[in-house]
């Protein structure tokens, strides 16, 4: 089903047709190298010192909604935002390739190519 797990990143539907195997591997190994427009991460500092890093999913006049992962949405009143900057860090974890075997990485890329 679409959007299972939230909407933190772009849909992967059809990614195999749009991206080469090399592009997919590079995106996994170097997630900060390229980020899909509209899914850039933002860093928000609130007036109580809280730092929230995530994708802006709603931009309302009175509040922002930031998604920091599955079931991790933050509603932040604009009045409590001390600072907001676009981050050059992807919310996709760095080092994912170190947590999987070469075969698991190859299987992941094959799966992505198939969808």
Protein backbone atom coordinates (compact mmCIF):
# COMPACT_ATOMS: atom_id res chain seq x y z
CA UNK A 1 0.00 0.00 0.00
CA UNK A 2 1.19 3.53 -0.71
CA UNK A 3 2.66 5.58 2.15
CA UNK A 4 2.96 2.58 4.48
CA UNK A 5 5.47 3.69 7.07
CA UNK A 6 4.90 7.39 6.49
CA UNK A 7 5.91 9.89 3.84
CA UNK A 8 9.42 10.75 4.93
CA UNK A 9 10.89 10.13 1.49
CA UNK A 10 9.85 10.01 -2.13
CA UNK A 11 7.90 7.08 -3.52
CA UNK A 12 10.12 4.28 -4.79
CA UNK A 13 7.51 3.16 -7.31
CA UNK A 14 9.21 2.95 -10.68
CA UNK A 15 12.67 3.81 -9.33
CA UNK A 16 14.17 0.86 -11.19
CA UNK A 17 13.17 2.42 -14.50
CA UNK A 18 14.45 5.88 -13.53
CA UNK A 19 17.78 4.98 -11.93
CA UNK A 20 20.68 2.78 -12.97
CA UNK A 21 22.12 0.18 -10.61
CA UNK A 22 25.12 2.44 -10.09
CA UNK A 23 22.86 5.39 -9.13
CA UNK A 24 20.99 3.22 -6.64
CA UNK A 25 24.19 1.94 -5.03
CA UNK A 26 25.64 5.46 -4.81
CA UNK A 27 22.41 6.73 -3.23
CA UNK A 28 22.64 4.03 -0.57
CA UNK A 29 26.35 4.45 0.14
CA UNK A 30 26.44 8.27 -0.16
CA UNK A 31 22.96 9.48 0.89
CA UNK A 32 24.10 13.10 1.28
CA UNK A 33 25.39 13.37 -2.30
CA UNK A 34 21.98 13.98 -3.86
CA UNK A 35 18.61 14.60 -2.29
CA UNK A 36 15.27 14.55 -4.05
CA UNK A 37 13.68 18.00 -4.28
CA UNK A 38 10.87 18.44 -1.76
CA UNK A 39 12.47 15.82 0.50
CA UNK A 40 15.43 17.85 1.68
CA UNK A 41 15.92 17.71 5.40
CA UNK A 42 15.48 20.71 7.66
CA UNK A 43 16.96 21.47 11.05
CA UNK A 44 14.64 23.33 13.41
CA UNK A 45 15.77 24.81 16.72
CA UNK A 46 12.92 25.62 19.08
CA UNK A 47 12.90 28.28 21.78
CA UNK A 48 13.20 25.56 24.46
CA UNK A 49 16.44 24.24 22.89
CA UNK A 50 14.98 21.23 21.10
CA UNK A 51 16.61 20.37 17.75
CA UNK A 52 14.44 18.55 15.22
CA UNK A 53 15.85 17.17 11.97
CA UNK A 54 13.44 15.91 9.34
CA UNK A 55 11.48 16.50 6.17
CA UNK A 56 9.00 19.37 6.00
CA UNK A 57 5.65 17.77 5.22
CA UNK A 58 3.29 20.64 6.08
CA UNK A 59 3.99 24.37 5.98
CA UNK A 60 1.07 26.16 7.61
CA UNK A 61 0.80 29.82 8.63
CA UNK A 62 0.70 28.91 12.33
CA UNK A 63 2.83 25.73 12.44
CA UNK A 64 5.18 23.40 10.62
CA UNK A 65 4.94 19.63 10.54
CA UNK A 66 8.30 17.88 10.31
CA UNK A 67 8.62 14.14 9.75
CA UNK A 68 11.67 12.57 11.35
CA UNK A 69 10.72 9.00 10.44
CA UNK A 70 7.96 6.48 10.78
CA UNK A 71 5.40 7.76 13.30
CA UNK A 72 7.75 10.62 14.28
CA UNK A 73 5.91 13.73 13.15
CA UNK A 74 6.49 16.93 15.04
CA UNK A 75 4.00 19.81 15.02
CA UNK A 76 5.99 22.94 15.74
CA UNK A 77 4.19 26.22 16.36
CA UNK A 78 5.85 28.98 14.33
CA UNK A 79 5.97 31.11 17.47
CA UNK A 80 8.35 28.60 19.10
CA UNK A 81 10.83 28.39 16.19
CA UNK A 82 14.12 30.03 17.10
CA UNK A 83 15.92 29.06 13.89
CA UNK A 84 15.22 26.94 10.81
CA UNK A 85 17.82 25.96 8.24
CA UNK A 86 17.98 23.56 5.34
CA UNK A 87 20.31 20.71 6.25
CA UNK A 88 22.89 19.23 3.91
CA UNK A 89 22.40 15.90 5.70
CA UNK A 90 19.96 13.35 4.35
CA UNK A 91 17.69 11.66 6.86
CA UNK A 92 18.67 8.38 5.21
CA UNK A 93 21.28 6.93 7.57
CA UNK A 94 24.92 7.04 6.55
CA UNK A 95 26.70 3.70 6.78
CA UNK A 96 23.78 1.52 5.78
CA UNK A 97 26.17 -0.33 3.46
CA UNK A 98 28.27 -1.27 6.52
CA UNK A 99 25.28 -2.91 8.20
CA UNK A 100 24.50 -5.30 5.35
CA UNK A 101 26.50 -7.90 3.49
CA UNK A 102 27.50 -7.42 -0.13
CA UNK A 103 24.83 -9.97 -1.07
CA UNK A 104 22.14 -8.10 0.90
CA UNK A 105 23.14 -4.85 -0.82
CA UNK A 106 22.98 -6.58 -4.21
CA UNK A 107 19.55 -8.02 -3.28
CA UNK A 108 18.32 -4.57 -2.27
CA UNK A 109 19.46 -3.03 -5.55
CA UNK A 110 17.88 -5.92 -7.50
CA UNK A 111 14.61 -5.36 -5.63
CA UNK A 112 14.68 -1.62 -6.34
CA UNK A 113 15.36 -2.32 -10.02
CA UNK A 114 12.33 -4.64 -10.09
CA UNK A 115 9.80 -2.11 -8.82
